[in-house]
Amino acid sequence: MEEHASTQEEYVQRVLAAYRSTPGTTGTIRRPDRLLAAQLYQRGVPLTVIENALVLAAARRLIRPIESPPLNTIRSLAYFLPLIQEVSNQRVSPDYFQYLRQKIARHALAR
């Protein structure tokens, strides 16, 4: 995902596309999700922060002990707000998030 979107509409589309493709979500976009994406644009939240928050959440949910009970499906972009805040407040190397993406991809292949 590129760092800058030229318009609010483009930003919202990119956020929602990233949300829709995140493992563990329903893949369905609802009106509150669109409104939240627009609010994130208005707050100036970088696209990379949102993308990294989605990756972090997916990794935490997917890479768990096998005996753990299954988690419910994520039904709202709002689920990720605490993670967006967490990623915003941390200074983590982009390499870490790339590592998580690779772990998620390997997990998907193993299934």
Protein backbone atom coordinates (compact mmCIF):
# COMPACT_ATOMS: atom_id res chain seq x y z
CA MET A 1 0.00 0.00 0.00
CA GLU A 2 1.45 3.36 -0.92
CA GLU A 3 2.03 5.91 1.80
CA HIS A 4 -0.04 8.71 0.22
CA ALA A 5 -3.43 8.63 -1.42
CA SER A 6 -4.31 11.51 -3.69
CA THR A 7 -7.88 11.85 -2.45
CA GLN A 8 -10.02 10.81 0.48
CA GLU A 9 -11.92 8.44 -1.80
CA GLU A 10 -8.70 6.70 -2.88
CA TYR A 11 -7.54 6.46 0.74
CA VAL A 12 -10.85 4.96 1.85
CA GLN A 13 -10.76 2.45 -1.00
CA ARG A 14 -7.23 1.36 -0.08
CA VAL A 15 -8.05 1.01 3.61
CA LEU A 16 -11.17 -1.01 2.85
CA ALA A 17 -9.34 -3.23 0.35
CA ALA A 18 -6.66 -3.95 2.95
CA TYR A 19 -9.32 -4.67 5.58
CA ARG A 20 -11.27 -6.93 3.23
CA SER A 21 -8.18 -9.02 2.43
CA THR A 22 -7.04 -9.39 6.04
CA PRO A 23 -7.27 -12.99 7.30
CA GLY A 24 -9.91 -13.40 9.97
CA THR A 25 -12.30 -10.76 8.64
CA THR A 26 -15.63 -11.41 6.96
CA GLY A 27 -14.46 -9.60 3.84
CA THR A 28 -17.67 -7.59 3.92
CA ILE A 29 -17.61 -3.79 3.98
CA ARG A 30 -20.38 -1.99 5.82
CA ARG A 31 -21.26 1.68 6.00
CA PRO A 32 -19.64 2.16 9.45
CA ASP A 33 -16.40 0.76 7.99
CA ARG A 34 -16.49 3.37 5.22
CA LEU A 35 -17.19 6.13 7.71
CA LEU A 36 -14.33 5.01 9.95
CA ALA A 37 -11.92 4.88 7.00
CA ALA A 38 -12.92 8.46 6.12
CA GLN A 39 -12.34 9.51 9.74
CA LEU A 40 -8.89 7.94 9.68
CA TYR A 41 -8.13 9.97 6.55
CA GLN A 42 -9.32 13.16 8.24
CA ARG A 43 -7.13 12.39 11.27
CA GLY A 44 -4.14 11.99 8.96
CA VAL A 45 -3.40 8.38 9.84
CA PRO A 46 -0.83 7.11 7.32
CA LEU A 47 -1.87 4.18 5.14
CA THR A 48 1.20 2.23 6.22
CA VAL A 49 0.14 2.49 9.86
CA ILE A 50 -3.26 1.01 9.04
CA GLU A 51 -1.78 -1.73 6.87
CA ASN A 52 0.75 -2.63 9.56
CA ALA A 53 -1.98 -2.72 12.21
CA LEU A 54 -3.99 -5.14 10.07
CA VAL A 55 -0.92 -7.34 9.59
CA LEU A 56 -0.13 -7.28 13.30
CA ALA A 57 -3.68 -8.29 14.21
CA ALA A 58 -3.76 -11.07 11.63
CA ALA A 59 -0.44 -12.44 12.84
CA ARG A 60 -1.52 -12.39 16.48
CA ARG A 61 -4.75 -14.17 15.62
CA LEU A 62 -3.25 -16.76 13.27
CA ILE A 63 -0.07 -17.68 15.08
CA ARG A 64 -1.44 -19.12 18.29
CA PRO A 65 -1.11 -22.46 20.03
CA ILE A 66 -3.02 -25.22 18.23
CA GLU A 67 -5.01 -26.07 21.35
CA SER A 68 -6.35 -22.50 21.60
CA PRO A 69 -10.09 -22.14 21.01
CA PRO A 70 -11.06 -20.63 17.65
CA LEU A 71 -11.58 -16.88 17.52
CA ASN A 72 -14.69 -15.21 16.19
CA THR A 73 -14.59 -13.60 12.76
CA ILE A 74 -13.79 -9.87 12.72
CA ARG A 75 -16.87 -8.03 11.48
CA SER A 76 -15.78 -4.40 11.67
CA LEU A 77 -12.85 -2.18 10.84
CA ALA A 78 -13.33 -0.68 14.31
CA TYR A 79 -11.84 -3.89 15.76
CA PHE A 80 -8.46 -2.63 14.56
CA LEU A 81 -8.57 0.82 16.20
CA PRO A 82 -6.51 -0.21 19.27
CA LEU A 83 -3.92 -1.79 16.99
CA ILE A 84 -3.81 1.29 14.77
CA GLN A 85 -3.10 3.31 17.91
CA GLU A 86 -0.48 0.79 19.06
CA VAL A 87 1.34 0.86 15.71
CA SER A 88 1.14 4.68 15.64
CA ASN A 89 2.87 4.90 19.02
CA GLN A 90 5.65 2.42 18.27
CA ARG A 91 8.78 2.82 16.23
CA VAL A 92 9.18 -0.62 14.73
CA SER A 93 11.27 -1.44 11.69
CA PRO A 94 9.30 -2.02 8.49
CA ASP A 95 11.26 -5.28 8.29
CA TYR A 96 9.29 -6.60 11.26
CA PHE A 97 5.99 -6.11 9.47
CA GLN A 98 7.45 -7.73 6.35
CA TYR A 99 8.47 -10.68 8.55
CA LEU A 100 4.87 -10.90 9.84
CA ARG A 101 3.53 -10.86 6.28
CA GLN A 102 5.80 -13.79 5.44
CA LYS A 103 4.65 -15.68 8.53
CA ILE A 104 1.01 -15.14 7.56
CA ALA A 105 1.69 -16.31 4.00
CA ARG A 106 3.45 -19.46 5.27
CA HIS A 107 0.58 -20.12 7.66
CA ALA A 108 -1.92 -19.83 4.81
CA LEU A 109 0.10 -22.27 2.69
CA ALA A 110 0.26 -24.77 5.55
CA ARG A 111 -3.51 -24.88 5.85
